[in-house]
Protein backbone atom coordinates (compact mmCIF):
# COMPACT_ATOMS: atom_id res chain seq x y z
CA UNK A 1 -6.12 12.47 43.07
CA UNK A 2 -2.47 12.38 45.42
CA UNK A 3 0.29 11.28 43.28
CA UNK A 4 2.16 7.64 44.28
CA UNK A 5 5.38 8.38 45.70
CA UNK A 6 7.97 6.13 44.06
CA UNK A 7 9.00 2.99 44.49
CA UNK A 8 13.19 2.56 44.35
CA UNK A 9 14.62 -0.19 43.90
CA UNK A 10 17.72 -1.31 46.40
CA UNK A 11 21.27 -0.87 44.38
CA UNK A 12 22.07 -3.56 41.59
CA UNK A 13 18.55 -5.25 41.64
CA UNK A 14 17.60 -4.05 38.71
CA UNK A 15 20.97 -5.70 36.97
CA UNK A 16 19.86 -8.90 38.79
CA UNK A 17 16.08 -8.94 37.87
CA UNK A 18 17.15 -8.34 34.08
CA UNK A 19 19.97 -10.80 34.66
CA UNK A 20 17.04 -13.36 36.24
CA UNK A 21 15.28 -12.81 33.51
CA UNK A 22 17.28 -13.21 31.01
CA UNK A 23 18.83 -16.42 32.27
CA UNK A 24 15.27 -17.75 32.95
CA UNK A 25 13.80 -16.68 29.83
CA UNK A 26 16.16 -18.07 28.07
CA UNK A 27 16.08 -21.74 29.60
CA UNK A 28 12.47 -21.42 29.04
CA UNK A 29 12.34 -21.08 25.64
CA UNK A 30 14.92 -23.40 25.25
CA UNK A 31 12.30 -25.83 25.83
CA UNK A 32 9.86 -24.13 23.82
CA UNK A 33 11.68 -24.03 20.82
CA UNK A 34 13.53 -27.14 20.81
CA UNK A 35 10.10 -28.32 19.92
CA UNK A 36 9.05 -26.34 16.93
CA UNK A 37 12.45 -27.18 15.34
CA UNK A 38 11.55 -30.80 16.05
CA UNK A 39 7.85 -30.25 14.66
CA UNK A 40 9.20 -28.75 11.57
CA UNK A 41 11.63 -32.01 11.15
CA UNK A 42 11.50 -34.56 13.31
CA UNK A 43 7.22 -35.19 14.64
CA UNK A 44 6.37 -35.92 10.69
CA UNK A 45 7.82 -39.48 10.69
CA UNK A 46 7.46 -39.98 14.28
CA UNK A 47 4.23 -39.07 15.71
CA UNK A 48 2.34 -39.14 12.29
CA UNK A 49 1.08 -41.27 9.54
CA UNK A 50 4.27 -41.54 7.34
CA UNK A 51 2.39 -42.72 4.15
CA UNK A 52 0.84 -39.20 2.96
CA UNK A 53 4.11 -37.08 4.14
CA UNK A 54 2.10 -33.72 3.37
CA UNK A 55 -0.72 -34.04 6.17
CA UNK A 56 1.63 -35.32 8.46
CA UNK A 57 4.04 -32.06 8.36
CA UNK A 58 0.73 -30.13 8.49
CA UNK A 59 -0.21 -32.20 11.88
CA UNK A 60 3.06 -31.76 13.26
CA UNK A 61 2.94 -28.18 13.21
CA UNK A 62 -0.63 -28.48 14.06
CA UNK A 63 0.13 -29.55 17.20
CA UNK A 64 2.93 -26.55 17.56
CA UNK A 65 0.32 -23.95 17.56
CA UNK A 66 -1.63 -25.79 20.37
CA UNK A 67 0.51 -24.64 22.56
CA UNK A 68 -0.49 -21.24 21.61
CA UNK A 69 -4.00 -21.48 21.76
CA UNK A 70 -3.50 -23.07 25.48
CA UNK A 71 -1.59 -19.83 26.36
CA UNK A 72 -4.81 -17.06 26.22
CA UNK A 73 -5.78 -20.00 29.29
CA UNK A 74 -2.68 -19.88 30.95
CA UNK A 75 -2.58 -16.46 31.03
CA UNK A 76 -6.29 -15.90 32.39
CA UNK A 77 -5.05 -17.97 35.31
CA UNK A 78 -1.59 -16.87 36.12
CA UNK A 79 -1.98 -13.28 35.17
CA UNK A 80 -4.63 -13.05 38.07
CA UNK A 81 -2.51 -14.70 40.29
CA UNK A 82 0.60 -12.87 39.73
CA UNK A 83 -1.13 -9.66 40.47
CA UNK A 84 -2.46 -11.17 43.64
CA UNK A 85 0.59 -12.80 44.75
CA UNK A 86 3.15 -11.14 43.18
CA UNK A 87 5.78 -11.34 39.76
CA UNK A 88 8.37 -14.19 41.89
CA UNK A 89 5.93 -16.96 42.39
CA UNK A 90 5.01 -17.10 39.37
CA UNK A 91 8.03 -17.22 37.46
CA UNK A 92 9.32 -19.73 39.06
CA UNK A 93 6.43 -21.65 38.31
CA UNK A 94 6.24 -21.90 34.93
CA UNK A 95 10.01 -22.25 34.99
CA UNK A 96 8.71 -25.94 36.98
CA UNK A 97 6.48 -27.08 34.68
CA UNK A 98 8.34 -25.76 31.42
CA UNK A 99 11.11 -28.17 32.12
CA UNK A 100 8.73 -31.15 33.37
CA UNK A 101 6.53 -30.85 30.21
CA UNK A 102 9.52 -31.08 27.86
CA UNK A 103 10.99 -33.41 29.54
CA UNK A 104 8.18 -35.36 29.31
CA UNK A 105 7.98 -34.86 25.45
CA UNK A 106 11.36 -36.55 25.38
CA UNK A 107 9.81 -39.41 26.77
CA UNK A 108 6.42 -40.29 24.84
CA UNK A 109 6.04 -43.48 22.45
CA UNK A 110 6.22 -42.70 19.01
CA UNK A 111 3.11 -43.56 16.55
CA UNK A 112 4.91 -47.30 15.92
CA UNK A 113 4.63 -48.24 19.60
CA UNK A 114 1.13 -47.05 20.76
CA UNK A 115 -0.62 -45.81 17.32
CA UNK A 116 -2.90 -42.91 18.09
CA UNK A 117 -2.68 -42.35 21.22
CA UNK A 118 1.56 -41.24 20.82
CA UNK A 119 -0.01 -37.56 18.98
CA UNK A 120 -2.45 -37.82 21.96
CA UNK A 121 -0.07 -37.39 24.90
CA UNK A 122 2.51 -35.38 22.44
CA UNK A 123 -0.50 -32.77 22.14
CA UNK A 124 -1.48 -32.71 26.11
CA UNK A 125 2.35 -32.12 26.93
CA UNK A 126 2.40 -29.14 24.64
CA UNK A 127 -0.33 -27.67 26.06
CA UNK A 128 1.77 -27.95 29.36
CA UNK A 129 4.01 -25.71 27.34
CA UNK A 130 1.85 -23.59 26.46
CA UNK A 131 0.03 -22.87 29.87
CA UNK A 132 3.47 -22.32 31.31
CA UNK A 133 5.01 -19.77 28.59
CA UNK A 134 1.97 -18.45 29.12
CA UNK A 135 2.95 -16.98 32.15
CA UNK A 136 6.94 -16.28 31.93
CA UNK A 137 6.77 -13.50 29.67
CA UNK A 138 4.41 -11.46 31.23
CA UNK A 139 6.10 -12.24 34.95
CA UNK A 140 9.25 -11.80 33.81
CA UNK A 141 8.68 -8.07 32.18
CA UNK A 142 6.90 -6.81 34.96
CA UNK A 143 9.92 -8.05 37.42
CA UNK A 144 12.25 -5.91 35.38
CA UNK A 145 10.08 -2.90 34.38
CA UNK A 146 9.32 -2.44 37.93
CA UNK A 147 13.15 -3.08 39.06
CA UNK A 148 14.24 -0.47 36.09
CA UNK A 149 15.27 2.81 36.67
CA UNK A 150 12.42 5.06 35.23
CA UNK A 151 14.67 5.99 32.19
CA UNK A 152 15.97 2.59 30.92
CA UNK A 153 12.73 0.84 30.90
CA UNK A 154 13.09 -0.29 27.82
CA UNK A 155 16.89 -1.51 27.97
CA UNK A 156 16.31 -3.94 31.20
CA UNK A 157 13.02 -4.81 30.20
CA UNK A 158 14.62 -5.85 26.77
CA UNK A 159 16.39 -8.64 28.21
CA UNK A 160 14.00 -10.71 28.63
CA UNK A 161 13.28 -10.55 25.22
CA UNK A 162 16.82 -10.78 24.31
CA UNK A 163 16.94 -14.17 27.11
CA UNK A 164 14.03 -15.43 24.72
CA UNK A 165 16.41 -15.17 21.77
CA UNK A 166 18.91 -16.82 23.23
CA UNK A 167 16.77 -19.74 24.69
CA UNK A 168 16.00 -20.14 20.67
CA UNK A 169 19.24 -20.00 19.50
CA UNK A 170 20.50 -22.34 22.19
CA UNK A 171 17.54 -25.05 21.17
CA UNK A 172 18.64 -24.38 17.33
CA UNK A 173 22.21 -24.92 18.28
CA UNK A 174 21.42 -28.05 19.93
CA UNK A 175 19.17 -29.58 17.42
CA UNK A 176 22.35 -28.79 14.05
CA UNK A 177 24.19 -32.24 15.92
CA UNK A 178 21.03 -34.23 16.39
CA UNK A 179 19.75 -33.22 12.94
CA UNK A 180 23.00 -34.39 11.14
CA UNK A 181 23.01 -38.28 12.63
CA UNK A 182 21.97 -40.57 10.85
CA UNK A 183 18.07 -41.05 10.14
CA UNK A 184 17.84 -44.59 11.64
CA UNK A 185 19.61 -42.92 15.03
CA UNK A 186 17.96 -39.40 14.46
CA UNK A 187 14.51 -40.51 14.81
CA UNK A 188 15.01 -43.97 17.29
CA UNK A 189 16.64 -41.82 20.07
CA UNK A 190 18.61 -38.88 19.27
CA UNK A 191 15.33 -36.52 18.65
CA UNK A 192 14.73 -37.33 22.40
CA UNK A 193 17.79 -35.79 23.72
CA UNK A 194 17.44 -32.22 23.69
CA UNK A 195 14.13 -32.63 25.31
CA UNK A 196 15.78 -34.64 28.27
CA UNK A 197 18.13 -31.76 28.66
CA UNK A 198 14.86 -29.95 30.10
CA UNK A 199 15.69 -31.07 33.44
CA UNK A 200 18.68 -29.34 33.83
CA UNK A 201 17.26 -26.52 32.67
CA UNK A 202 14.68 -26.44 35.63
CA UNK A 203 16.77 -27.14 37.97
CA UNK A 204 19.70 -23.86 36.75
CA UNK A 205 16.46 -21.82 36.63
CA UNK A 206 14.85 -22.37 40.12
CA UNK A 207 18.06 -21.44 41.76
CA UNK A 208 18.44 -18.71 39.80
CA UNK A 209 14.94 -17.41 40.37
CA UNK A 210 14.18 -18.25 43.66
CA UNK A 211 16.58 -15.45 45.44
CA UNK A 212 14.82 -12.75 43.23
CA UNK A 213 13.27 -10.37 45.12
CA UNK A 214 9.87 -8.89 44.83
CA UNK A 215 9.66 -6.17 42.92
CA UNK A 216 9.19 -2.34 44.98
CA UNK A 217 6.18 -1.26 42.85
CA UNK A 218 3.88 -4.96 43.78
CA UNK A 219 5.43 -4.00 47.85
CA UNK A 220 4.42 -0.81 48.06
CA UNK A 221 1.40 -1.71 46.49
CA UNK A 222 0.39 -4.19 48.96
CA UNK A 223 1.49 -1.97 51.49
CA UNK A 224 -0.37 0.97 51.32
CA UNK A 225 -3.31 -0.13 49.11
CA UNK A 226 -4.00 -3.73 48.94
CA UNK A 227 -3.93 -6.05 46.08
CA UNK A 228 -6.86 -5.99 43.81
CA UNK A 229 -9.26 -8.63 44.26
CA UNK A 230 -9.97 -9.66 41.08
CA UNK A 231 -7.44 -7.85 38.43
CA UNK A 232 -9.38 -9.20 35.44
CA UNK A 233 -12.50 -7.24 36.08
CA UNK A 234 -10.44 -4.50 36.91
CA UNK A 235 -8.31 -4.52 34.00
CA UNK A 236 -11.54 -5.44 31.18
CA UNK A 237 -13.67 -2.30 33.15
CA UNK A 238 -11.04 0.10 32.78
CA UNK A 239 -7.75 -0.91 30.34
CA UNK A 240 -10.28 -2.91 27.63
CA UNK A 241 -8.54 -0.51 24.73
CA UNK A 242 -4.80 -1.14 25.85
CA UNK A 243 -6.00 -4.77 26.26
CA UNK A 244 -7.32 -4.44 22.29
CA UNK A 245 -3.79 -3.06 21.39
CA UNK A 246 -1.77 -5.37 23.39
CA UNK A 247 -3.29 -8.65 21.11
CA UNK A 248 -3.39 -6.88 17.86
CA UNK A 249 0.25 -5.60 18.47
CA UNK A 250 1.12 -9.53 19.60
CA UNK A 251 0.41 -10.76 16.40
CA UNK A 252 3.66 -9.81 15.37
CA UNK A 253 4.95 -12.70 16.41
CA UNK A 254 3.44 -14.36 13.57
CA UNK A 255 6.96 -13.22 11.73
CA UNK A 256 8.95 -14.88 14.67
CA UNK A 257 6.73 -18.24 13.93
CA UNK A 258 7.05 -18.48 10.14
CA UNK A 259 10.38 -17.46 10.14
CA UNK A 260 11.41 -20.41 12.66
CA UNK A 261 9.02 -23.11 11.77
CA UNK A 262 7.44 -23.00 8.67
CA UNK A 263 10.45 -21.41 6.36
CA UNK A 264 12.72 -24.39 8.04
CA UNK A 265 10.21 -26.78 6.57
CA UNK A 266 10.02 -25.24 3.39
CA UNK A 267 13.51 -25.06 2.71
CA UNK A 268 14.23 -29.06 3.65
CA UNK A 269 11.68 -29.65 1.66
CA UNK A 270 11.31 -31.70 -1.66
CA UNK A 271 11.27 -28.76 -3.36
CA UNK A 272 14.10 -26.89 -2.29
CA UNK A 273 16.56 -29.04 -1.11
CA UNK A 274 18.38 -27.57 1.29
CA UNK A 275 19.75 -29.71 4.10
CA UNK A 276 18.89 -29.25 7.32
CA UNK A 277 21.86 -28.33 9.60
CA UNK A 278 22.45 -25.86 7.42
CA UNK A 279 18.84 -23.93 7.42
CA UNK A 280 19.18 -24.62 11.41
CA UNK A 281 22.42 -22.39 10.95
CA UNK A 282 20.60 -19.52 9.62
CA UNK A 283 18.34 -19.59 12.34
CA UNK A 284 21.07 -19.73 14.62
CA UNK A 285 22.78 -16.92 13.76
CA UNK A 286 20.09 -14.73 13.13
CA UNK A 287 19.33 -15.02 16.37
CA UNK A 288 23.32 -14.13 17.83
CA UNK A 289 22.60 -10.76 15.78
CA UNK A 290 19.04 -10.44 17.56
CA UNK A 291 20.83 -10.69 21.00
CA UNK A 292 23.10 -7.68 19.30
CA UNK A 293 20.43 -5.59 17.74
CA UNK A 294 17.31 -5.59 20.99
CA UNK A 295 18.98 -4.04 23.63
CA UNK A 296 20.15 -1.85 21.03
CA UNK A 297 16.80 -0.66 20.09
CA UNK A 298 15.49 -1.12 23.22
CA UNK A 299 18.20 1.46 24.28
CA UNK A 300 17.43 4.07 21.26
CA UNK A 301 13.37 3.64 22.62
CA UNK A 302 14.77 5.23 25.59
CA UNK A 303 15.64 8.12 24.02
CA UNK A 304 12.95 8.80 21.42
CA UNK A 305 9.62 6.26 22.09
CA UNK A 306 8.61 3.00 22.17
CA UNK A 307 5.96 3.75 19.43
CA UNK A 308 8.43 4.82 16.32
CA UNK A 309 11.15 1.78 17.10
CA UNK A 310 8.49 -0.60 17.20
CA UNK A 311 6.77 0.68 13.58
CA UNK A 312 10.12 0.00 12.23
CA UNK A 313 10.24 -3.33 13.32
CA UNK A 314 6.54 -3.99 12.11
CA UNK A 315 6.24 -2.30 8.77
CA UNK A 316 10.39 -3.29 8.15
CA UNK A 317 9.01 -7.34 8.74
CA UNK A 318 6.03 -7.53 6.80
CA UNK A 319 9.29 -6.15 3.96
CA UNK A 320 11.43 -8.29 5.09
CA UNK A 321 9.99 -11.64 4.74
CA UNK A 322 9.39 -11.32 1.23
CA UNK A 323 13.31 -10.78 0.72
CA UNK A 324 13.92 -13.88 3.15
CA UNK A 325 11.00 -16.58 1.51
CA UNK A 326 11.94 -15.78 -2.14
CA UNK A 327 16.01 -15.87 -1.34
CA UNK A 328 14.49 -19.70 -0.16
CA UNK A 329 13.20 -20.07 -3.66
CA UNK A 330 16.05 -19.70 -4.78
CA UNK A 331 17.97 -22.09 -2.93
CA UNK A 332 20.92 -19.73 -2.81
CA UNK A 333 22.97 -20.38 0.59
CA UNK A 334 24.29 -16.85 1.05
CA UNK A 335 21.83 -14.97 -0.13
CA UNK A 336 18.95 -17.02 2.69
CA UNK A 337 22.08 -16.58 5.83
CA UNK A 338 22.20 -13.06 4.87
CA UNK A 339 18.58 -11.91 4.43
CA UNK A 340 17.56 -14.34 7.59
CA UNK A 341 20.32 -11.86 9.54
CA UNK A 342 18.45 -9.13 8.32
CA UNK A 343 14.76 -9.69 8.13
CA UNK A 344 14.92 -11.43 12.26
CA UNK A 345 18.20 -10.67 13.64
CA UNK A 346 18.07 -6.45 12.77
CA UNK A 347 15.19 -5.90 11.77
CA UNK A 348 12.28 -7.40 13.43
CA UNK A 349 14.27 -7.08 16.43
CA UNK A 350 12.88 -3.67 16.05
CA UNK A 351 9.46 -4.49 17.42
CA UNK A 352 10.47 -7.68 19.42
CA UNK A 353 12.96 -5.70 22.06
CA UNK A 354 10.28 -2.38 22.41
CA UNK A 355 7.46 -4.41 23.26
CA UNK A 356 8.29 -5.24 26.75
CA UNK A 357 8.79 -2.07 27.79
CA UNK A 358 5.78 -0.73 25.04
CA UNK A 359 3.28 -3.16 26.14
CA UNK A 360 4.01 -2.83 30.08
CA UNK A 361 3.67 0.71 30.11
CA UNK A 362 0.01 0.60 29.06
CA UNK A 363 -0.93 -0.41 32.51
CA UNK A 364 -0.62 0.31 36.29
CA UNK A 365 1.10 -2.11 38.62
CA UNK A 366 -2.38 -3.11 40.03
CA UNK A 367 -3.39 -5.34 36.68
CA UNK A 368 0.12 -4.83 34.52
CA UNK A 369 0.91 -8.81 34.77
CA UNK A 370 -3.08 -9.93 33.69
CA UNK A 371 -3.16 -6.88 31.19
CA UNK A 372 0.14 -8.21 29.69
CA UNK A 373 -0.26 -11.81 29.74
CA UNK A 374 -4.09 -12.02 28.59
CA UNK A 375 -3.64 -9.51 25.59
CA UNK A 376 0.39 -10.94 24.65
CA UNK A 377 -0.93 -14.91 24.78
CA UNK A 378 -4.50 -13.92 22.87
CA UNK A 379 -2.28 -12.32 20.13
CA UNK A 380 0.55 -15.16 19.93
CA UNK A 381 -2.49 -17.62 19.66
CA UNK A 382 -3.07 -16.25 16.67
CA UNK A 383 0.87 -16.37 15.85
CA UNK A 384 1.06 -20.07 16.67
CA UNK A 385 -1.68 -21.03 13.91
CA UNK A 386 0.04 -18.42 11.37
CA UNK A 387 2.34 -21.45 10.63
CA UNK A 388 -0.81 -24.19 9.87
CA UNK A 389 -2.47 -21.27 8.34
CA UNK A 390 1.45 -20.84 6.13
CA UNK A 391 0.95 -24.72 5.30
CA UNK A 392 -2.03 -24.10 3.65
CA UNK A 393 -1.81 -21.44 2.02
CA UNK A 394 1.67 -22.47 0.36
CA UNK A 395 -0.79 -25.43 -1.56
CA UNK A 396 -0.34 -29.30 -1.84
CA UNK A 397 3.27 -28.80 -2.62
CA UNK A 398 4.11 -25.95 0.09
CA UNK A 399 6.32 -24.42 -2.51
CA UNK A 400 3.96 -21.16 -3.11
CA UNK A 401 6.23 -18.59 -0.78
CA UNK A 402 4.77 -15.69 -2.23
CA UNK A 403 1.11 -16.17 -0.62
CA UNK A 404 2.99 -16.99 2.70
CA UNK A 405 4.68 -13.93 2.31
CA UNK A 406 1.69 -11.64 1.82
CA UNK A 407 -0.22 -13.65 4.09
CA UNK A 408 2.82 -12.67 7.02
CA UNK A 409 2.56 -9.00 5.57
CA UNK A 410 -0.86 -8.69 6.20
CA UNK A 411 -0.29 -9.63 10.03
CA UNK A 412 1.72 -6.85 10.50
CA UNK A 413 -0.96 -4.63 9.57
CA UNK A 414 -2.45 -5.37 13.33
CA UNK A 415 0.56 -4.71 15.14
CA UNK A 416 1.38 -1.02 13.10
CA UNK A 417 -2.76 0.54 13.95
CA UNK A 418 -1.84 -0.43 17.41
CA UNK A 419 0.99 1.32 17.60
CA UNK A 420 -0.58 4.38 15.93
CA UNK A 421 -3.21 4.31 18.55
CA UNK A 422 -0.92 4.20 21.51
CA UNK A 423 0.17 6.60 24.13
CA UNK A 424 4.07 6.75 24.18
CA UNK A 425 4.84 6.12 27.74
CA UNK A 426 8.45 6.22 28.11
CA UNK A 427 8.75 9.33 29.93
CA UNK A 428 5.98 8.91 32.03
CA UNK A 429 7.18 8.17 35.78
CA UNK A 430 7.36 4.39 36.81
CA UNK A 431 4.18 5.22 39.23
CA UNK A 432 2.08 6.85 37.04
CA UNK A 433 1.94 4.37 34.37
CA UNK A 434 -1.45 3.54 33.33
CA UNK A 435 -2.55 6.00 36.11
CA UNK A 436 -6.07 7.95 34.92
CA UNK A 437 -7.28 9.88 37.40
CA UNK A 438 -11.74 8.24 37.19
CA UNK A 439 -9.94 5.31 36.79
CA UNK A 440 -7.76 5.12 39.75
CA UNK A 441 -10.47 6.11 41.94
CA UNK A 442 -12.45 2.97 41.10
CA UNK A 443 -9.66 0.65 41.30
CA UNK A 444 -8.27 1.95 44.64
CA UNK A 445 -11.97 0.97 45.70
CA UNK A 446 -11.45 -2.36 44.45
CA UNK A 447 -8.71 -3.67 46.64
CA UNK A 448 -8.72 -6.12 49.97
CA UNK A 449 -7.87 -3.18 53.71
């Protein structure tokens, strides 16, 4: 087999791609994460029956998971077109779709106004958010990985995830003043403001991404070989084991959803009694720590490999969740703040900062976006509904934190197994990623002229 010649990005393009990925992901996931805060704090009272608060909270958290269920469906379509049409087009489309669907959530009528139609419309908008998110990270990761210098792929691809954390930070900061509003103003119009701001998010993101160049690797493939007719068929025929690894690895996102949504609902419940604003500050400062930790962990993975850094994050998160939820149960705010920053801002960031390069390097350029999108979104679907299961596991009073921590630790086991069974790829040239001689021959025979 002849080795493909390296496709080199123009000077400055890796930095531009990383910046576009960071800003775009931050803006996109601002939209996505404000829903999580609202689902824990607002929606049980606005869209569901207040006569049964426990059931209303459970149903509200279930709508948070609905987007994760929609994401695998979105991944099938957006992954397919991303490998056929290019990374840039998908990045622009997902941003517009997310901005529109989030704005519409802020315009929805409440249960008091239209009855059961209100939660139905909420779920439909949440589905659109999920479809958008399905293509966002995979396209941004593929864009940055294929633009990055071979020896710094971990660092450059980490900008996508630090952008995601930046979006979560923006969402949390947006809700801090909203959560401090008087109850009547909060439930009538105040909660809508962060959702309405998504129009500005979509406009800014569009202008950032529309001038970004397509990746050299994708352009070289298009010119020299053509694009794969059916990326999904090639993916499942020749890369099914790596798809399974990515699915298992992506379950690590359960740590994020339980920290962000369930722990917030638990801490502000009657059994603990922490204020909404104080707990939102825990999330904000933890995300601020993650912004610093993610590129550092990613840079370390460029030196020592993806697997060891990822394993630190996966195993460490299983332990750290016990400590964090225990701290919440004590009601000791300084302890909650400290352990929240350590658990989510530092330890979880080891896995979170490395997976964009770790997963992306498992696939060739022909099927990279499909492989990452489908694998991650199926795993993320588990993570999305982990919040609902956690609410059930926590018992009728919602205070069995130990069982929730044990559940979270169990969800960290598949990512550990995935990492242990994966190949180390940090030193493999970009043009040879995902290539195996028999498979490559078959793939090259299944492209357009």
